[in-house]
Amino acid sequence: MHSTRNVTARNLPFPPSLLFRNLASAASDRVLAPMDRGGFGPRGARNRLRIAGFVCCSGSPGMWGPAATSSAQLAVADINRRGGILGREIEFSVYDAGGPIEDVRDRAEQAIASNDVDLIMGMHTSAVRVALRNLITRSRIPYIYTPVYEGGERTPGVIAIGETPRWQMRPSIHWMAEAKRASRWYLIGSDYVWPWQSHRAVKRYIKETGGLVVGEEFVPVGEDDHEVHLERIRAAKPDVVLISLIGTDSVTFNRAFADAGLAPSTLRLAGCFDETSLLGIGADKTENLFCASGYFPSVGSRDGDDFRDRYRAMFGPFAPPIGSCGEGAYEGFCLLEAAANRAGTLDTRPLLAAADNLVYRSPRGPVTVRSGHARMPMYLAEADGLDFRVIKTI
């Protein structure tokens, strides 16, 4: 369950069955080993800093759970090797943030009620963030949210550091209009808050280029039959399909898109997408597929290369592919360490104040946080088989 400075790829300090905790299940308490109970006590009174990672390990976005968990474990091992954060070793637990949101909320409520959490890392969908943020912040627990999201998060106590449409999609749409002469757009996304809000912004950016939205639809999360969607796309004859589907839904859609013969003539642009997604789609189905992100392993920076090498050294050559969706979990710990060092304390109020306005380094390079929102280098890339080839910085 816990990642410590002794974590290695082949000698984890816990059995795999204890990696995920579901506090909503009475049975879960019965499997806790004595080592797990030893650190329990009033919040803030222990030597260890207990961080709960709420990670989607099931459902459509669960495909990113292994990479996110591994990235977080690497971050914990790196920090603990340096002596922890302000002298406190990190103890990291993973809670499944997939499945029904009511169940995820129950896990968070019980973890908080048990005084089992000093800080929460959110590595999950925006729908979960919206459901949890007030509960967590009322408890005066810092909440760092790491994935790509729709922007606009201003809940006190929440620091969101993922890519937003303003910096991710706007320059990508302008590039496609100029370089690819794209003017007709079809928008398809999963039916929840990130695609809803992102599409509102995307429509403005398309209008800026003189383009036209020729169709839009939202698909229930978990849908894997895309025949009717592809029929509508074919009839609308777009130049670009902007894809805001999540996890395995995006994988099945992109596979069907290529199988329908649309890939050679119609461009695709995705926002929440990485090498794990490409692996699911297959190398022969990625023609004319573009993605914008703050991190690609192929960027070739010193920070990124070092991160990738340490990830492989820790987890081996067959570890989950490390793309932007997984790497974001590492980002949260980079922010936390920088904020704590700047504040000189882990007390909630000064820690959050420091995290709200600082610059930190990460595998993405220098990241600037202002008023709870992050700016980072952003790249546009085109799929090349199972990898992304970066076209330009945007």
Protein backbone atom coordinates (compact mmCIF):
# COMPACT_ATOMS: atom_id res chain seq x y z
CA MET A 1 0.00 0.00 0.00
CA HIS A 2 2.68 2.47 0.93
CA SER A 3 5.59 3.67 -1.15
CA THR A 4 8.72 4.38 0.88
CA ARG A 5 12.31 5.14 0.13
CA ASN A 6 12.91 1.39 -0.13
CA VAL A 7 10.63 0.99 -3.16
CA THR A 8 12.16 -0.93 -6.04
CA ALA A 9 10.57 -2.46 -9.10
CA ARG A 10 11.32 -6.02 -8.05
CA ASN A 11 11.16 -5.79 -4.27
CA LEU A 12 8.12 -3.77 -3.31
CA PRO A 13 7.66 -3.29 0.45
CA PHE A 14 4.05 -4.52 0.18
CA PRO A 15 2.21 -7.39 -1.53
CA PRO A 16 0.41 -6.42 -4.75
CA SER A 17 -2.95 -7.19 -3.10
CA LEU A 18 -2.43 -4.20 -0.81
CA LEU A 19 -1.73 -1.63 -3.52
CA PHE A 20 -5.32 -0.40 -3.63
CA ARG A 21 -7.39 0.54 -0.63
CA ASN A 22 -11.15 0.76 -0.67
CA LEU A 23 -12.11 2.08 2.75
CA ALA A 24 -15.77 1.73 1.82
CA SER A 25 -15.33 -2.03 2.15
CA ALA A 26 -15.22 -3.51 5.62
CA ALA A 27 -13.06 -6.31 4.26
CA SER A 28 -10.33 -3.87 3.29
CA ASP A 29 -9.45 -3.13 6.90
CA ARG A 30 -8.99 -6.81 7.62
CA VAL A 31 -6.19 -7.12 5.06
CA LEU A 32 -4.08 -4.28 6.43
CA ALA A 33 -0.73 -5.53 7.64
CA PRO A 34 0.66 -4.39 11.03
CA MET A 35 3.15 -2.13 9.23
CA ASP A 36 0.20 -0.24 7.75
CA ARG A 37 -1.38 0.52 11.12
CA GLY A 38 1.84 1.65 12.74
CA GLY A 39 1.72 5.14 11.28
CA PHE A 40 -1.94 5.85 12.14
CA GLY A 41 -2.61 8.72 14.52
CA PRO A 42 -3.89 12.29 14.67
CA ARG A 43 -3.32 14.15 11.43
CA GLY A 44 -0.02 16.02 11.41
CA ALA A 45 1.27 14.33 14.60
CA ARG A 46 3.38 11.67 12.88
CA ASN A 47 6.82 11.82 11.43
CA ARG A 48 5.56 10.56 8.07
CA LEU A 49 3.63 12.65 5.57
CA ARG A 50 0.65 10.57 4.51
CA ILE A 51 -0.51 11.27 0.98
CA ALA A 52 -3.58 9.66 -0.55
CA GLY A 53 -3.47 9.25 -4.31
CA PHE A 54 -6.97 9.05 -5.75
CA VAL A 55 -6.20 7.32 -9.07
CA CYS A 56 -8.63 5.99 -11.67
CA CYS A 57 -7.76 2.30 -11.61
CA SER A 58 -11.05 1.05 -13.07
CA GLY A 59 -13.55 2.16 -15.68
CA SER A 60 -12.67 3.88 -18.97
CA PRO A 61 -9.86 6.07 -17.56
CA GLY A 62 -8.45 3.09 -15.62
CA MET A 63 -6.07 2.36 -18.50
CA TRP A 64 -3.84 5.12 -17.10
CA GLY A 65 -3.91 3.81 -13.52
CA PRO A 66 -0.74 1.66 -13.73
CA ALA A 67 1.40 4.44 -15.26
CA ALA A 68 0.07 7.06 -12.83
CA THR A 69 0.68 4.80 -9.85
CA SER A 70 4.20 3.96 -11.02
CA SER A 71 5.02 7.62 -11.65
CA ALA A 72 3.81 8.54 -8.18
CA GLN A 73 5.86 5.75 -6.62
CA LEU A 74 8.94 7.01 -8.46
CA ALA A 75 8.32 10.53 -7.15
CA VAL A 76 7.95 9.23 -3.59
CA ALA A 77 11.14 7.18 -3.89
CA ASP A 78 13.04 10.19 -5.29
CA ILE A 79 11.87 12.52 -2.54
CA ASN A 80 12.36 10.05 0.29
CA ARG A 81 15.87 9.33 -0.96
CA ARG A 82 16.56 13.05 -0.46
CA GLY A 83 15.29 12.86 3.11
CA GLY A 84 11.59 13.44 2.55
CA ILE A 85 9.75 16.74 2.57
CA LEU A 86 11.01 18.98 5.37
CA GLY A 87 12.39 15.86 7.02
CA ARG A 88 9.14 13.87 6.80
CA GLU A 89 9.20 10.68 4.78
CA ILE A 90 6.24 10.26 2.45
CA GLU A 91 3.85 7.39 3.00
CA PHE A 92 1.74 6.95 -0.15
CA SER A 93 -1.57 5.09 -0.45
CA VAL A 94 -3.62 4.54 -3.59
CA TYR A 95 -7.41 4.71 -3.61
CA ASP A 96 -9.43 3.76 -6.69
CA ALA A 97 -11.11 6.87 -8.10
CA GLY A 98 -12.85 4.90 -10.85
CA GLY A 99 -16.35 3.47 -10.80
CA PRO A 100 -19.43 5.24 -9.36
CA ILE A 101 -18.63 8.69 -8.03
CA GLU A 102 -20.68 8.00 -4.90
CA ASP A 103 -18.30 5.16 -4.05
CA VAL A 104 -15.26 7.37 -4.58
CA ARG A 105 -16.77 10.03 -2.35
CA ASP A 106 -17.38 7.42 0.36
CA ARG A 107 -13.72 6.39 0.21
CA ALA A 108 -12.60 9.99 0.57
CA GLU A 109 -15.01 10.66 3.45
CA GLN A 110 -13.85 7.60 5.37
CA ALA A 111 -10.18 8.29 4.76
CA ILE A 112 -10.60 11.85 6.05
CA ALA A 113 -12.74 10.74 9.01
CA SER A 114 -10.07 8.21 9.95
CA ASN A 115 -7.43 10.96 10.16
CA ASP A 116 -5.58 8.91 7.55
CA VAL A 117 -4.69 11.71 5.12
CA ASP A 118 -2.46 14.79 5.27
CA LEU A 119 -2.78 15.66 1.58
CA ILE A 120 -4.67 14.34 -1.45
CA MET A 121 -3.29 13.95 -4.96
CA GLY A 122 -6.07 13.77 -7.52
CA MET A 123 -5.19 11.70 -10.60
CA HIS A 124 -8.69 11.22 -11.96
CA THR A 125 -11.45 12.79 -14.06
CA SER A 126 -12.85 16.27 -13.54
CA ALA A 127 -16.18 14.70 -12.59
CA VAL A 128 -14.50 13.19 -9.53
CA ARG A 129 -12.73 16.46 -8.72
CA VAL A 130 -16.00 18.39 -8.77
CA ALA A 131 -17.59 15.79 -6.49
CA LEU A 132 -14.70 15.77 -3.99
CA ARG A 133 -13.33 19.30 -3.86
CA ASN A 134 -15.69 20.84 -1.30
CA LEU A 135 -15.54 17.78 0.96
CA ILE A 136 -11.75 17.81 0.94
CA THR A 137 -11.25 21.53 1.31
CA ARG A 138 -13.78 21.75 4.18
CA SER A 139 -11.49 19.33 5.96
CA ARG A 140 -8.58 21.75 5.41
CA ILE A 141 -6.59 19.17 3.50
CA PRO A 142 -4.55 20.39 0.52
CA TYR A 143 -5.79 18.92 -2.76
CA ILE A 144 -3.41 18.84 -5.75
CA TYR A 145 -5.13 17.93 -9.02
CA THR A 146 -2.75 16.82 -11.77
CA PRO A 147 -4.46 15.79 -15.07
CA VAL A 148 -5.46 17.78 -18.12
CA TYR A 149 -8.74 19.54 -17.33
CA GLU A 150 -11.17 22.20 -18.50
CA GLY A 151 -9.65 25.13 -16.58
CA GLY A 152 -11.27 27.59 -14.23
CA GLU A 153 -10.74 25.69 -10.96
CA ARG A 154 -10.76 28.28 -8.17
CA THR A 155 -11.90 26.33 -5.12
CA PRO A 156 -9.82 27.46 -2.12
CA GLY A 157 -7.37 24.70 -1.24
CA VAL A 158 -7.34 23.12 -4.72
CA ILE A 159 -4.26 23.51 -6.92
CA ALA A 160 -4.85 22.31 -10.50
CA ILE A 161 -1.69 21.92 -12.58
CA GLY A 162 -2.84 20.12 -15.74
CA GLU A 163 -3.10 21.45 -19.30
CA THR A 164 -6.12 23.63 -20.07
CA PRO A 165 -7.81 24.43 -23.42
CA ARG A 166 -6.44 27.98 -23.54
CA TRP A 167 -2.83 26.83 -23.77
CA GLN A 168 -3.35 23.37 -25.24
CA MET A 169 -6.12 23.59 -27.84
CA ARG A 170 -6.11 27.20 -28.97
CA PRO A 171 -2.64 27.16 -30.58
CA SER A 172 -3.26 23.67 -31.96
CA ILE A 173 -6.46 24.77 -33.68
CA HIS A 174 -4.75 27.83 -35.14
CA TRP A 175 -1.88 25.66 -36.41
CA MET A 176 -4.26 23.21 -38.08
CA ALA A 177 -6.13 26.06 -39.73
CA GLU A 178 -2.89 27.53 -41.09
CA ALA A 179 -0.79 24.45 -41.85
CA LYS A 180 -3.54 22.01 -42.83
CA ARG A 181 -6.15 24.47 -44.14
CA ALA A 182 -8.64 22.95 -41.70
CA SER A 183 -11.93 24.84 -41.46
CA ARG A 184 -14.65 22.24 -40.81
CA TRP A 185 -14.62 20.72 -37.31
CA TYR A 186 -16.56 17.90 -35.66
CA LEU A 187 -16.40 17.67 -31.86
CA ILE A 188 -16.96 14.41 -30.00
CA GLY A 189 -16.43 13.95 -26.28
CA SER A 190 -17.40 11.91 -23.25
CA ASP A 191 -20.52 13.09 -21.47
CA TYR A 192 -19.10 14.85 -18.42
CA VAL A 193 -17.68 18.17 -17.30
CA TRP A 194 -14.23 18.19 -18.98
CA PRO A 195 -15.55 17.77 -22.55
CA TRP A 196 -18.56 20.01 -21.90
CA GLN A 197 -16.49 22.95 -20.74
CA SER A 198 -13.55 22.33 -23.08
CA HIS A 199 -15.80 22.33 -26.13
CA ARG A 200 -17.22 25.70 -25.14
CA ALA A 201 -13.70 27.12 -25.32
CA VAL A 202 -12.80 25.15 -28.45
CA LYS A 203 -15.75 26.65 -30.34
CA ARG A 204 -14.41 30.14 -29.64
CA TYR A 205 -10.95 29.17 -30.90
CA ILE A 206 -12.38 27.64 -34.08
CA LYS A 207 -14.38 30.83 -34.68
CA GLU A 208 -11.17 32.86 -34.31
CA THR A 209 -9.75 31.03 -37.34
CA GLY A 210 -12.88 31.51 -39.43
CA GLY A 211 -13.71 27.82 -39.06
CA LEU A 212 -17.07 26.13 -38.63
CA VAL A 213 -18.28 23.45 -36.21
CA VAL A 214 -20.26 21.01 -38.39
CA GLY A 215 -21.24 18.65 -35.59
CA GLU A 216 -20.92 17.95 -31.88
CA GLU A 217 -21.96 15.10 -29.63
CA PHE A 218 -21.30 13.72 -26.17
CA VAL A 219 -21.02 9.99 -25.65
CA PRO A 220 -21.84 8.16 -22.39
CA VAL A 221 -18.68 7.13 -20.57
CA GLY A 222 -18.04 3.45 -21.24
CA GLU A 223 -19.61 3.41 -24.72
CA ASP A 224 -17.67 1.25 -27.16
CA ASP A 225 -20.07 1.04 -30.11
CA HIS A 226 -19.24 4.02 -32.31
CA GLU A 227 -20.96 3.06 -35.56
CA VAL A 228 -23.65 5.73 -35.30
CA HIS A 229 -21.10 8.40 -34.38
CA LEU A 230 -18.95 7.53 -37.36
CA GLU A 231 -21.96 7.68 -39.67
CA ARG A 232 -22.66 11.23 -38.51
CA ILE A 233 -19.03 12.21 -38.95
CA ARG A 234 -18.91 10.77 -42.45
CA ALA A 235 -22.07 12.69 -43.38
CA ALA A 236 -20.75 15.98 -41.94
CA LYS A 237 -17.47 15.76 -43.91
CA PRO A 238 -15.23 17.56 -41.40
CA ASP A 239 -11.58 18.38 -41.99
CA VAL A 240 -10.79 17.60 -38.35
CA VAL A 241 -12.44 15.55 -35.63
CA LEU A 242 -11.56 16.92 -32.20
CA ILE A 243 -11.69 14.02 -29.76
CA SER A 244 -12.44 14.58 -26.06
CA LEU A 245 -13.30 10.98 -25.29
CA ILE A 246 -11.70 9.54 -22.18
CA GLY A 247 -9.50 6.46 -21.75
CA THR A 248 -10.60 3.25 -23.43
CA ASP A 249 -13.55 5.07 -25.03
CA SER A 250 -11.04 7.06 -27.07
CA VAL A 251 -9.15 3.87 -27.92
CA THR A 252 -12.22 2.06 -29.27
CA PHE A 253 -13.36 5.17 -31.15
CA ASN A 254 -10.00 5.69 -32.84
CA ARG A 255 -9.76 2.04 -33.81
CA ALA A 256 -13.25 2.17 -35.33
CA PHE A 257 -12.44 5.49 -37.02
CA ALA A 258 -9.49 3.93 -38.84
CA ASP A 259 -11.39 0.72 -39.62
CA ALA A 260 -14.12 2.85 -41.21
CA GLY A 261 -11.57 4.23 -43.67
CA LEU A 262 -11.74 7.81 -42.35
CA ALA A 263 -8.12 8.18 -41.23
CA PRO A 264 -6.52 8.95 -44.62
CA SER A 265 -8.86 11.86 -45.37
CA THR A 266 -9.82 13.27 -41.96
CA LEU A 267 -7.47 14.69 -39.34
CA ARG A 268 -7.85 13.87 -35.67
CA LEU A 269 -6.85 16.09 -32.73
CA ALA A 270 -6.96 14.76 -29.17
CA GLY A 271 -6.39 16.49 -25.85
CA CYS A 272 -6.32 13.71 -23.24
CA PHE A 273 -4.21 11.19 -25.06
CA ASP A 274 -0.75 9.62 -24.79
CA GLU A 275 1.44 6.64 -25.66
CA THR A 276 -0.76 4.30 -23.64
CA SER A 277 -3.63 5.27 -25.93
CA LEU A 278 -1.52 4.64 -29.02
CA LEU A 279 -0.62 1.19 -27.72
CA GLY A 280 -4.32 0.42 -27.36
CA ILE A 281 -5.19 1.71 -30.83
CA GLY A 282 -2.38 -0.04 -32.69
CA ALA A 283 0.37 1.33 -34.90
CA ASP A 284 -1.62 0.84 -38.11
CA LYS A 285 -4.56 2.99 -37.00
CA THR A 286 -2.85 6.27 -36.03
CA GLU A 287 -2.64 8.00 -39.43
CA ASN A 288 -3.30 11.78 -39.26
CA LEU A 289 -3.69 11.67 -35.47
CA PHE A 290 -2.40 14.71 -33.56
CA CYS A 291 -2.13 15.48 -29.87
CA ALA A 292 -1.24 18.56 -27.81
CA SER A 293 0.37 18.08 -24.42
CA GLY A 294 2.83 19.47 -21.91
CA TYR A 295 4.83 16.24 -21.96
CA PHE A 296 6.00 13.77 -24.57
CA PRO A 297 8.86 11.33 -23.92
CA SER A 298 10.22 12.22 -27.35
CA VAL A 299 10.76 15.91 -26.55
CA GLY A 300 14.38 15.17 -25.66
CA SER A 301 14.92 17.59 -22.76
CA ARG A 302 17.39 16.87 -19.98
CA ASP A 303 14.60 16.81 -17.37
CA GLY A 304 12.42 14.52 -19.47
CA ASP A 305 15.21 12.14 -20.41
CA ASP A 306 16.35 11.82 -16.81
CA PHE A 307 12.79 11.08 -15.67
CA ARG A 308 12.33 8.44 -18.37
CA ASP A 309 15.65 6.76 -17.52
CA ARG A 310 14.87 6.59 -13.80
CA TYR A 311 11.36 5.28 -14.52
CA ARG A 312 12.77 2.46 -16.63
CA ALA A 313 15.49 1.69 -14.11
CA MET A 314 12.93 1.39 -11.31
CA PHE A 315 10.18 -0.51 -13.12
CA GLY A 316 11.97 -2.28 -15.94
CA PRO A 317 11.62 -2.32 -19.74
CA PHE A 318 8.07 -3.70 -19.66
CA ALA A 319 6.64 -1.05 -17.31
CA PRO A 320 3.42 0.75 -18.31
CA PRO A 321 4.15 3.29 -21.08
CA ILE A 322 4.93 6.65 -19.55
CA GLY A 323 3.02 9.38 -21.35
CA SER A 324 1.52 12.66 -20.25
CA CYS A 325 -1.44 11.11 -18.42
CA GLY A 326 0.87 9.03 -16.25
CA GLU A 327 3.66 11.59 -15.88
CA GLY A 328 1.18 14.08 -14.43
CA ALA A 329 1.18 12.05 -11.22
CA TYR A 330 4.89 12.82 -10.81
CA GLU A 331 4.15 16.51 -11.36
CA GLY A 332 2.02 16.75 -8.25
CA PHE A 333 4.92 15.71 -6.04
CA CYS A 334 7.26 18.17 -7.77
CA LEU A 335 4.84 20.97 -6.93
CA LEU A 336 4.40 19.77 -3.35
CA GLU A 337 8.13 19.56 -2.66
CA ALA A 338 8.77 23.02 -4.13
CA ALA A 339 5.87 24.59 -2.21
CA ALA A 340 6.88 23.01 1.09
CA ASN A 341 10.49 24.14 0.70
CA ARG A 342 9.33 27.66 -0.08
CA ALA A 343 6.84 27.79 2.80
CA GLY A 344 9.21 26.12 5.25
CA THR A 345 6.25 24.27 6.74
CA LEU A 346 3.61 21.70 5.87
CA ASP A 347 0.85 23.62 7.64
CA THR A 348 -2.05 23.90 5.23
CA ARG A 349 -2.48 27.66 4.88
CA PRO A 350 1.17 28.67 4.25
CA LEU A 351 1.72 25.56 2.10
CA LEU A 352 -1.21 26.45 -0.16
CA ALA A 353 -0.12 30.08 -0.32
CA ALA A 354 3.33 28.99 -1.50
CA ALA A 355 1.87 26.52 -4.01
CA ASP A 356 -0.32 29.25 -5.47
CA ASN A 357 2.59 31.30 -6.77
CA LEU A 358 5.88 29.60 -7.62
CA VAL A 359 8.07 28.04 -10.29
CA TYR A 360 9.17 24.41 -10.02
CA ARG A 361 11.09 21.99 -12.22
CA SER A 362 9.72 18.68 -13.40
CA PRO A 363 10.02 16.24 -16.32
CA ARG A 364 8.15 18.92 -18.31
CA GLY A 365 10.84 21.47 -17.58
CA PRO A 366 10.07 24.70 -15.69
CA VAL A 367 6.41 25.04 -14.67
CA THR A 368 5.00 28.34 -13.42
CA VAL A 369 1.99 28.35 -11.09
CA ARG A 370 0.06 31.59 -10.72
CA SER A 371 -3.27 31.88 -8.90
CA GLY A 372 -3.60 28.12 -8.76
CA HIS A 373 -3.07 27.49 -12.48
CA ALA A 374 0.01 26.14 -14.24
CA ARG A 375 1.87 27.29 -17.33
CA MET A 376 4.37 24.93 -18.89
CA PRO A 377 6.02 24.22 -22.24
CA MET A 378 3.36 22.91 -24.61
CA TYR A 379 3.90 20.75 -27.67
CA LEU A 380 1.96 19.62 -30.71
CA ALA A 381 2.82 16.13 -31.91
CA GLU A 382 1.73 13.69 -34.60
CA ALA A 383 1.39 9.97 -34.05
CA ASP A 384 4.11 7.90 -35.67
CA GLY A 385 3.14 4.29 -35.07
CA LEU A 386 3.19 3.78 -31.30
CA ASP A 387 5.10 6.98 -30.55
CA PHE A 388 4.54 10.70 -30.96
CA ARG A 389 6.77 12.87 -33.13
CA VAL A 390 6.83 16.43 -31.82
CA ILE A 391 6.09 18.94 -34.59
CA LYS A 392 6.55 22.17 -32.72
CA THR A 393 6.35 24.02 -29.44
CA ILE A 394 3.04 25.86 -29.23
